[in-house]
């Protein structure tokens, strides 16, 4: 089953690369597609794992849209900056 999550802070392919890599490490996820332009993550897998997926996205700095504000939002942006950089660096290592 597939579901889509609208998230904050996706800016580039580095962000998308980190999201795809980390989410596909979850047993309940079979594939992930990130639409940078729309800020959405499409997950193919067990819908029962949606909360786990959202928690992982949040820990990476890409919380579900509308779920953070204030300091939590600023913290998420900082985490996403690091995740983005890691994703970009990982792309150059292939």
PDB file of N, CA and C in Angstrom:
ATOM      1  N   UNK A   1       0.840  -1.172   0.000  1.00  0.00           N
ATOM      2  CA  UNK A   1       0.000   0.000   0.000  1.00  0.00           C
ATOM      3  C   UNK A   1       0.890   1.241   0.000  1.00  0.00           C
ATOM      4  N   UNK A   2       0.455   2.268  -0.678  1.00  0.00           N
ATOM      5  CA  UNK A   2       1.223   3.511  -0.756  1.00  0.00           C
ATOM      6  C   UNK A   2       0.490   4.630  -0.029  1.00  0.00           C
ATOM      7  N   UNK A   3       1.272   5.521   0.542  1.00  0.00           N
ATOM      8  CA  UNK A   3       0.723   6.718   1.170  1.00  0.00           C
ATOM      9  C   UNK A   3       1.715   7.858   0.984  1.00  0.00           C
ATOM     10  N   UNK A   4       1.205   9.069   1.091  1.00  0.00           N
ATOM     11  CA  UNK A   4       2.014  10.262   0.858  1.00  0.00           C
ATOM     12  C   UNK A   4       2.019  11.133   2.107  1.00  0.00           C
ATOM     13  N   UNK A   5       3.179  11.692   2.417  1.00  0.00           N
ATOM     14  CA  UNK A   5       3.332  12.566   3.568  1.00  0.00           C
ATOM     15  C   UNK A   5       3.911  13.889   3.085  1.00  0.00           C
ATOM     16  N   UNK A   6       3.253  14.983   3.413  1.00  0.00           N
ATOM     17  CA  UNK A   6       3.774  16.311   3.099  1.00  0.00           C
ATOM     18  C   UNK A   6       4.701  16.710   4.240  1.00  0.00           C
ATOM     19  N   UNK A   7       5.947  17.078   3.910  1.00  0.00           N
ATOM     20  CA  UNK A   7       6.931  17.392   4.939  1.00  0.00           C
ATOM     21  C   UNK A   7       7.550  18.766   4.722  1.00  0.00           C
ATOM     22  N   UNK A   8       8.133  19.284   5.766  1.00  0.00           N
ATOM     23  CA  UNK A   8       8.827  20.570   5.720  1.00  0.00           C
ATOM     24  C   UNK A   8      10.315  20.365   5.436  1.00  0.00           C
ATOM     25  N   UNK A   9      10.950  21.400   4.914  1.00  0.00           N
ATOM     26  CA  UNK A   9      12.407  21.532   4.810  1.00  0.00           C
ATOM     27  C   UNK A   9      13.088  20.782   3.666  1.00  0.00           C
ATOM     28  N   UNK A  10      12.354  20.145   2.767  1.00  0.00           N
ATOM     29  CA  UNK A  10      13.006  19.498   1.620  1.00  0.00           C
ATOM     30  C   UNK A  10      13.405  20.593   0.638  1.00  0.00           C
ATOM     31  N   UNK A  11      14.693  20.655   0.325  1.00  0.00           N
ATOM     32  CA  UNK A  11      15.185  21.720  -0.533  1.00  0.00           C
ATOM     33  C   UNK A  11      15.862  21.244  -1.813  1.00  0.00           C
ATOM     34  N   UNK A  12      16.391  20.000  -1.789  1.00  0.00           N
ATOM     35  CA  UNK A  12      17.189  19.589  -2.946  1.00  0.00           C
ATOM     36  C   UNK A  12      17.306  18.073  -3.030  1.00  0.00           C
ATOM     37  N   UNK A  13      18.068  17.640  -4.000  1.00  0.00           N
ATOM     38  CA  UNK A  13      18.312  16.218  -4.185  1.00  0.00           C
ATOM     39  C   UNK A  13      19.077  15.580  -3.042  1.00  0.00           C
ATOM     40  N   UNK A  14      19.896  16.368  -2.348  1.00  0.00           N
ATOM     41  CA  UNK A  14      20.612  15.844  -1.181  1.00  0.00           C
ATOM     42  C   UNK A  14      19.641  15.471  -0.077  1.00  0.00           C
ATOM     43  N   UNK A  15      18.660  16.337   0.137  1.00  0.00           N
ATOM     44  CA  UNK A  15      17.601  16.053   1.118  1.00  0.00           C
ATOM     45  C   UNK A  15      16.872  14.775   0.711  1.00  0.00           C
ATOM     46  N   UNK A  16      16.475  14.713  -0.556  1.00  0.00           N
ATOM     47  CA  UNK A  16      15.739  13.554  -1.062  1.00  0.00           C
ATOM     48  C   UNK A  16      16.564  12.284  -0.913  1.00  0.00           C
ATOM     49  N   UNK A  17      17.849  12.361  -1.205  1.00  0.00           N
ATOM     50  CA  UNK A  17      18.722  11.192  -1.094  1.00  0.00           C
ATOM     51  C   UNK A  17      18.790  10.656   0.325  1.00  0.00           C
ATOM     52  N   UNK A  18      18.902  11.552   1.288  1.00  0.00           N
ATOM     53  CA  UNK A  18      18.931  11.133   2.688  1.00  0.00           C
ATOM     54  C   UNK A  18      17.616  10.470   3.079  1.00  0.00           C
ATOM     55  N   UNK A  19      16.510  11.080   2.681  1.00  0.00           N
ATOM     56  CA  UNK A  19      15.190  10.536   3.021  1.00  0.00           C
ATOM     57  C   UNK A  19      15.010   9.145   2.428  1.00  0.00           C
ATOM     58  N   UNK A  20      15.315   8.984   1.158  1.00  0.00           N
ATOM     59  CA  UNK A  20      15.168   7.684   0.499  1.00  0.00           C
ATOM     60  C   UNK A  20      16.050   6.643   1.179  1.00  0.00           C
ATOM     61  N   UNK A  21      17.294   6.976   1.401  1.00  0.00           N
ATOM     62  CA  UNK A  21      18.239   6.026   2.007  1.00  0.00           C
ATOM     63  C   UNK A  21      17.762   5.573   3.373  1.00  0.00           C
ATOM     64  N   UNK A  22      17.401   6.525   4.222  1.00  0.00           N
ATOM     65  CA  UNK A  22      17.035   6.182   5.599  1.00  0.00           C
ATOM     66  C   UNK A  22      15.687   5.470   5.692  1.00  0.00           C
ATOM     67  N   UNK A  23      14.700   5.903   4.913  1.00  0.00           N
ATOM     68  CA  UNK A  23      13.391   5.262   5.001  1.00  0.00           C
ATOM     69  C   UNK A  23      13.406   3.849   4.434  1.00  0.00           C
ATOM     70  N   UNK A  24      14.179   3.610   3.385  1.00  0.00           N
ATOM     71  CA  UNK A  24      14.219   2.263   2.815  1.00  0.00           C
ATOM     72  C   UNK A  24      14.974   1.285   3.713  1.00  0.00           C
ATOM     73  N   UNK A  25      15.626   1.773   4.750  1.00  0.00           N
ATOM     74  CA  UNK A  25      16.254   0.894   5.741  1.00  0.00           C
ATOM     75  C   UNK A  25      15.213   0.273   6.669  1.00  0.00           C
ATOM     76  N   UNK A  26      14.005   0.837   6.713  1.00  0.00           N
ATOM     77  CA  UNK A  26      12.940   0.305   7.554  1.00  0.00           C
ATOM     78  C   UNK A  26      12.350  -0.947   6.913  1.00  0.00           C
ATOM     79  N   UNK A  27      12.126  -1.982   7.703  1.00  0.00           N
ATOM     80  CA  UNK A  27      11.582  -3.244   7.186  1.00  0.00           C
ATOM     81  C   UNK A  27      10.211  -3.074   6.539  1.00  0.00           C
ATOM     82  N   UNK A  28       9.396  -2.160   7.063  1.00  0.00           N
ATOM     83  CA  UNK A  28       8.025  -1.992   6.583  1.00  0.00           C
ATOM     84  C   UNK A  28       7.913  -1.130   5.327  1.00  0.00           C
ATOM     85  N   UNK A  29       9.045  -0.636   4.822  1.00  0.00           N
ATOM     86  CA  UNK A  29       9.049   0.243   3.646  1.00  0.00           C
ATOM     87  C   UNK A  29       9.714  -0.482   2.482  1.00  0.00           C
ATOM     88  N   UNK A  30       9.004  -0.544   1.342  1.00  0.00           N
ATOM     89  CA  UNK A  30       9.574  -1.218   0.175  1.00  0.00           C
ATOM     90  C   UNK A  30      10.172  -0.233  -0.828  1.00  0.00           C
ATOM     91  N   UNK A  31       9.602   0.976  -0.917  1.00  0.00           N
ATOM     92  CA  UNK A  31      10.181   1.996  -1.796  1.00  0.00           C
ATOM     93  C   UNK A  31       9.743   3.384  -1.349  1.00  0.00           C
ATOM     94  N   UNK A  32      10.532   4.370  -1.752  1.00  0.00           N
ATOM     95  CA  UNK A  32      10.276   5.765  -1.378  1.00  0.00           C
ATOM     96  C   UNK A  32      10.539   6.644  -2.585  1.00  0.00           C
ATOM     97  N   UNK A  33       9.654   7.612  -2.797  1.00  0.00           N
ATOM     98  CA  UNK A  33       9.836   8.592  -3.858  1.00  0.00           C
ATOM     99  C   UNK A  33       9.635   9.975  -3.236  1.00  0.00           C
ATOM    100  N   UNK A  34      10.589  10.870  -3.460  1.00  0.00           N
ATOM    101  CA  UNK A  34      10.518  12.220  -2.896  1.00  0.00           C
ATOM    102  C   UNK A  34      10.297  13.217  -4.020  1.00  0.00           C
ATOM    103  N   UNK A  35       9.287  14.051  -3.869  1.00  0.00           N
ATOM    104  CA  UNK A  35       9.023  15.133  -4.811  1.00  0.00           C
ATOM    105  C   UNK A  35       9.493  16.423  -4.137  1.00  0.00           C
ATOM    106  N   UNK A  36      10.678  16.875  -4.520  1.00  0.00           N
ATOM    107  CA  UNK A  36      11.281  18.056  -3.905  1.00  0.00           C
ATOM    108  C   UNK A  36      10.420  19.287  -4.133  1.00  0.00           C
ATOM    109  N   UNK A  37       9.915  19.441  -5.344  1.00  0.00           N
ATOM    110  CA  UNK A  37       9.102  20.615  -5.686  1.00  0.00           C
ATOM    111  C   UNK A  37       7.858  20.736  -4.815  1.00  0.00           C
ATOM    112  N   UNK A  38       7.179  19.624  -4.593  1.00  0.00           N
ATOM    113  CA  UNK A  38       5.935  19.621  -3.820  1.00  0.00           C
ATOM    114  C   UNK A  38       6.159  19.417  -2.331  1.00  0.00           C
ATOM    115  N   UNK A  39       7.365  18.986  -1.938  1.00  0.00           N
ATOM    116  CA  UNK A  39       7.647  18.716  -0.534  1.00  0.00           C
ATOM    117  C   UNK A  39       6.907  17.501  -0.014  1.00  0.00           C
ATOM    118  N   UNK A  40       6.832  16.463  -0.850  1.00  0.00           N
ATOM    119  CA  UNK A  40       6.117  15.260  -0.452  1.00  0.00           C
ATOM    120  C   UNK A  40       7.011  14.025  -0.521  1.00  0.00           C
ATOM    121  N   UNK A  41       6.677  13.090   0.340  1.00  0.00           N
ATOM    122  CA  UNK A  41       7.361  11.804   0.374  1.00  0.00           C
ATOM    123  C   UNK A  41       6.295  10.739   0.150  1.00  0.00           C
ATOM    124  N   UNK A  42       6.453   9.955  -0.917  1.00  0.00           N
ATOM    125  CA  UNK A  42       5.516   8.866  -1.209  1.00  0.00           C
ATOM    126  C   UNK A  42       6.180   7.577  -0.769  1.00  0.00           C
ATOM    127  N   UNK A  43       5.501   6.868   0.114  1.00  0.00           N
ATOM    128  CA  UNK A  43       6.040   5.644   0.695  1.00  0.00           C
ATOM    129  C   UNK A  43       5.219   4.453   0.226  1.00  0.00           C
ATOM    130  N   UNK A  44       5.905   3.446  -0.246  1.00  0.00           N
ATOM    131  CA  UNK A  44       5.271   2.180  -0.597  1.00  0.00           C
ATOM    132  C   UNK A  44       5.656   1.197   0.502  1.00  0.00           C
ATOM    133  N   UNK A  45       4.649   0.650   1.154  1.00  0.00           N
ATOM    134  CA  UNK A  45       4.914  -0.291   2.236  1.00  0.00           C
ATOM    135  C   UNK A  45       3.718  -0.391   3.157  1.00  0.00           C
ATOM    136  N   UNK A  46       3.962  -0.906   4.329  1.00  0.00           N
ATOM    137  CA  UNK A  46       2.900  -1.114   5.303  1.00  0.00           C
ATOM    138  C   UNK A  46       2.435   0.219   5.889  1.00  0.00           C
ATOM    139  N   UNK A  47       1.170   0.537   5.721  1.00  0.00           N
ATOM    140  CA  UNK A  47       0.638   1.790   6.242  1.00  0.00           C
ATOM    141  C   UNK A  47       0.665   1.813   7.769  1.00  0.00           C
ATOM    142  N   UNK A  48       0.694   0.660   8.387  1.00  0.00           N
ATOM    143  CA  UNK A  48       0.773   0.586   9.844  1.00  0.00           C
ATOM    144  C   UNK A  48       2.098   1.173  10.363  1.00  0.00           C
ATOM    145  N   UNK A  49       3.075   1.321   9.485  1.00  0.00           N
ATOM    146  CA  UNK A  49       4.371   1.888   9.870  1.00  0.00           C
ATOM    147  C   UNK A  49       4.431   3.395   9.641  1.00  0.00           C
ATOM    148  N   UNK A  50       3.311   4.015   9.282  1.00  0.00           N
ATOM    149  CA  UNK A  50       3.300   5.450   8.976  1.00  0.00           C
ATOM    150  C   UNK A  50       3.856   6.283  10.133  1.00  0.00           C
ATOM    151  N   UNK A  51       3.469   5.972  11.354  1.00  0.00           N
ATOM    152  CA  UNK A  51       3.957   6.731  12.507  1.00  0.00           C
ATOM    153  C   UNK A  51       5.473   6.590  12.653  1.00  0.00           C
ATOM    154  N   UNK A  52       5.987   5.379  12.446  1.00  0.00           N
ATOM    155  CA  UNK A  52       7.425   5.149  12.497  1.00  0.00           C
ATOM    156  C   UNK A  52       8.138   5.958  11.414  1.00  0.00           C
ATOM    157  N   UNK A  53       7.558   5.986  10.217  1.00  0.00           N
ATOM    158  CA  UNK A  53       8.117   6.759   9.108  1.00  0.00           C
ATOM    159  C   UNK A  53       8.133   8.244   9.458  1.00  0.00           C
ATOM    160  N   UNK A  54       7.016   8.754   9.977  1.00  0.00           N
ATOM    161  CA  UNK A  54       6.934  10.177  10.361  1.00  0.00           C
ATOM    162  C   UNK A  54       7.934  10.515  11.450  1.00  0.00           C
ATOM    163  N   UNK A  55       8.110   9.622  12.412  1.00  0.00           N
ATOM    164  CA  UNK A  55       9.087   9.867  13.483  1.00  0.00           C
ATOM    165  C   UNK A  55      10.515   9.910  12.946  1.00  0.00           C
ATOM    166  N   UNK A  56      10.827   9.021  12.010  1.00  0.00           N
ATOM    167  CA  UNK A  56      12.162   9.029  11.413  1.00  0.00           C
ATOM    168  C   UNK A  56      12.367  10.301  10.593  1.00  0.00           C
ATOM    169  N   UNK A  57      11.360  10.673   9.802  1.00  0.00           N
ATOM    170  CA  UNK A  57      11.462  11.915   9.032  1.00  0.00           C
ATOM    171  C   UNK A  57      11.710  13.100   9.966  1.00  0.00           C
ATOM    172  N   UNK A  58      10.982  13.158  11.055  1.00  0.00           N
ATOM    173  CA  UNK A  58      11.147  14.249  12.020  1.00  0.00           C
ATOM    174  C   UNK A  58      12.553  14.249  12.608  1.00  0.00           C
ATOM    175  N   UNK A  59      13.079  13.069  12.942  1.00  0.00           N
ATOM    176  CA  UNK A  59      14.427  12.991  13.516  1.00  0.00           C
ATOM    177  C   UNK A  59      15.496  13.434  12.522  1.00  0.00           C
ATOM    178  N   UNK A  60      15.192  13.312  11.221  1.00  0.00           N
ATOM    179  CA  UNK A  60      16.120  13.749  10.177  1.00  0.00           C
ATOM    180  C   UNK A  60      16.000  15.247   9.880  1.00  0.00           C
ATOM    181  N   UNK A  61      14.940  15.872  10.420  1.00  0.00           N
ATOM    182  CA  UNK A  61      14.728  17.300  10.173  1.00  0.00           C
ATOM    183  C   UNK A  61      13.656  17.589   9.134  1.00  0.00           C
ATOM    184  N   UNK A  62      12.876  16.571   8.784  1.00  0.00           N
ATOM    185  CA  UNK A  62      11.814  16.723   7.787  1.00  0.00           C
ATOM    186  C   UNK A  62      10.474  16.326   8.407  1.00  0.00           C
ATOM    187  N   UNK A  63       9.979  17.123   9.364  1.00  0.00           N
ATOM    188  CA  UNK A  63       8.724  16.755  10.031  1.00  0.00           C
ATOM    189  C   UNK A  63       7.526  16.891   9.099  1.00  0.00           C
ATOM    190  N   UNK A  64       6.495  16.143   9.408  1.00  0.00           N
ATOM    191  CA  UNK A  64       5.251  16.264   8.659  1.00  0.00           C
ATOM    192  C   UNK A  64       4.774  17.708   8.773  1.00  0.00           C
ATOM    193  N   UNK A  65       4.363  18.286   7.660  1.00  0.00           N
ATOM    194  CA  UNK A  65       3.945  19.692   7.635  1.00  0.00           C
ATOM    195  C   UNK A  65       2.863  19.947   8.677  1.00  0.00           C
ATOM    196  N   UNK A  66       3.038  21.049   9.397  1.00  0.00           N
ATOM    197  CA  UNK A  66       2.064  21.462  10.385  1.00  0.00           C
ATOM    198  C   UNK A  66       2.231  20.829  11.751  1.00  0.00           C
ATOM    199  N   UNK A  67       3.275  20.017  11.945  1.00  0.00           N
ATOM    200  CA  UNK A  67       3.430  19.340  13.237  1.00  0.00           C
ATOM    201  C   UNK A  67       4.456  19.982  14.151  1.00  0.00           C
ATOM    202  N   UNK A  68       5.197  20.963  13.648  1.00  0.00           N
ATOM    203  CA  UNK A  68       6.179  21.643  14.500  1.00  0.00           C
ATOM    204  C   UNK A  68       6.037  23.151  14.369  1.00  0.00           C
ATOM    205  N   UNK A  69       6.441  23.845  15.429  1.00  0.00           N
ATOM    206  CA  UNK A  69       6.451  25.304  15.402  1.00  0.00           C
ATOM    207  C   UNK A  69       7.491  25.798  16.393  1.00  0.00           C
ATOM    208  N   UNK A  70       7.808  27.074  16.319  1.00  0.00           N
ATOM    209  CA  UNK A  70       8.742  27.685  17.254  1.00  0.00           C
ATOM    210  C   UNK A  70      10.101  27.032  17.255  1.00  0.00           C
ATOM    211  N   UNK A  71      10.613  26.742  18.444  1.00  0.00           N
ATOM    212  CA  UNK A  71      11.942  26.161  18.599  1.00  0.00           C
ATOM    213  C   UNK A  71      12.048  24.796  17.919  1.00  0.00           C
ATOM    214  N   UNK A  72      10.992  24.002  17.997  1.00  0.00           N
ATOM    215  CA  UNK A  72      11.007  22.683  17.352  1.00  0.00           C
ATOM    216  C   UNK A  72      11.170  22.820  15.840  1.00  0.00           C
ATOM    217  N   UNK A  73      10.555  23.836  15.277  1.00  0.00           N
ATOM    218  CA  UNK A  73      10.676  24.073  13.837  1.00  0.00           C
ATOM    219  C   UNK A  73      12.091  24.497  13.476  1.00  0.00           C
ATOM    220  N   UNK A  74      12.685  25.371  14.302  1.00  0.00           N
ATOM    221  CA  UNK A  74      14.062  25.813  14.059  1.00  0.00           C
ATOM    222  C   UNK A  74      15.035  24.642  14.191  1.00  0.00           C
ATOM    223  N   UNK A  75      14.797  23.781  15.158  1.00  0.00           N
ATOM    224  CA  UNK A  75      15.629  22.595  15.343  1.00  0.00           C
ATOM    225  C   UNK A  75      15.513  21.674  14.137  1.00  0.00           C
ATOM    226  N   UNK A  76      14.305  21.496  13.635  1.00  0.00           N
ATOM    227  CA  UNK A  76      14.096  20.651  12.452  1.00  0.00           C
ATOM    228  C   UNK A  76      14.845  21.213  11.250  1.00  0.00           C
ATOM    229  N   UNK A  77      14.801  22.534  11.070  1.00  0.00           N
ATOM    230  CA  UNK A  77      15.524  23.148   9.942  1.00  0.00           C
ATOM    231  C   UNK A  77      17.022  22.892  10.057  1.00  0.00           C
ATOM    232  N   UNK A  78      17.558  22.997  11.273  1.00  0.00           N
ATOM    233  CA  UNK A  78      18.994  22.753  11.481  1.00  0.00           C
ATOM    234  C   UNK A  78      19.344  21.298  11.174  1.00  0.00           C
ATOM    235  N   UNK A  79      18.509  20.365  11.634  1.00  0.00           N
ATOM    236  CA  UNK A  79      18.749  18.948  11.352  1.00  0.00           C
ATOM    237  C   UNK A  79      18.668  18.671   9.863  1.00  0.00           C
ATOM    238  N   UNK A  80      17.704  19.311   9.181  1.00  0.00           N
ATOM    239  CA  UNK A  80      17.554  19.065   7.741  1.00  0.00           C
ATOM    240  C   UNK A  80      18.771  19.577   6.980  1.00  0.00           C
ATOM    241  N   UNK A  81      19.373  20.659   7.460  1.00  0.00           N
ATOM    242  CA  UNK A  81      20.584  21.184   6.826  1.00  0.00           C
ATOM    243  C   UNK A  81      21.692  20.130   6.865  1.00  0.00           C
ATOM    244  N   UNK A  82      21.854  19.485   8.018  1.00  0.00           N
ATOM    245  CA  UNK A  82      22.872  18.444   8.162  1.00  0.00           C
ATOM    246  C   UNK A  82      22.514  17.239   7.291  1.00  0.00           C
ATOM    247  N   UNK A  83      21.245  16.810   7.322  1.00  0.00           N
ATOM    248  CA  UNK A  83      20.810  15.673   6.498  1.00  0.00           C
ATOM    249  C   UNK A  83      21.029  15.954   5.017  1.00  0.00           C
ATOM    250  N   UNK A  84      20.743  17.179   4.613  1.00  0.00           N
ATOM    251  CA  UNK A  84      20.935  17.588   3.226  1.00  0.00           C
ATOM    252  C   UNK A  84      22.412  17.461   2.838  1.00  0.00           C
ATOM    253  N   UNK A  85      23.282  17.979   3.695  1.00  0.00           N
ATOM    254  CA  UNK A  85      24.718  17.928   3.416  1.00  0.00           C
ATOM    255  C   UNK A  85      25.203  16.488   3.334  1.00  0.00           C
ATOM    256  N   UNK A  86      24.733  15.644   4.233  1.00  0.00           N
ATOM    257  CA  UNK A  86      25.107  14.233   4.208  1.00  0.00           C
ATOM    258  C   UNK A  86      24.606  13.584   2.921  1.00  0.00           C
ATOM    259  N   UNK A  87      23.381  13.900   2.524  1.00  0.00           N
ATOM    260  CA  UNK A  87      22.824  13.355   1.284  1.00  0.00           C
ATOM    261  C   UNK A  87      23.613  13.784   0.069  1.00  0.00           C
ATOM    262  N   UNK A  88      24.020  15.033   0.044  1.00  0.00           N
ATOM    263  CA  UNK A  88      24.820  15.522  -1.095  1.00  0.00           C
ATOM    264  C   UNK A  88      26.181  14.848  -1.130  1.00  0.00           C
ATOM    265  N   UNK A  89      26.822  14.731   0.019  1.00  0.00           N
ATOM    266  CA  UNK A  89      28.130  14.092   0.090  1.00  0.00           C
ATOM    267  C   UNK A  89      28.041  12.632  -0.337  1.00  0.00           C
ATOM    268  N   UNK A  90      26.965  11.947   0.101  1.00  0.00           N
ATOM    269  CA  UNK A  90      26.768  10.542  -0.257  1.00  0.00           C
ATOM    270  C   UNK A  90      26.603  10.352  -1.748  1.00  0.00           C
ATOM    271  N   UNK A  91      25.989  11.342  -2.426  1.00  0.00           N
ATOM    272  CA  UNK A  91      25.795  11.249  -3.872  1.00  0.00           C
ATOM    273  C   UNK A  91      27.119  11.270  -4.617  1.00  0.00           C
ATOM    274  N   UNK A  92      28.113  11.948  -4.075  1.00  0.00           N
ATOM    275  CA  UNK A  92      29.400  12.051  -4.768  1.00  0.00           C
ATOM    276  C   UNK A  92      30.269  10.824  -4.538  1.00  0.00           C
ATOM    277  N   UNK A  93      29.895   9.963  -3.600  1.00  0.00           N
ATOM    278  CA  UNK A  93      30.709   8.802  -3.280  1.00  0.00           C
ATOM    279  C   UNK A  93      30.391   7.594  -4.149  1.00  0.00           C
ATOM    280  N   UNK A  94      29.325   7.647  -4.930  1.00  0.00           N
ATOM    281  CA  UNK A  94      28.930   6.482  -5.763  1.00  0.00           C
ATOM    282  C   UNK A  94      29.766   6.333  -6.991  1.00  0.00           C
TER     283      UNK A  94
END
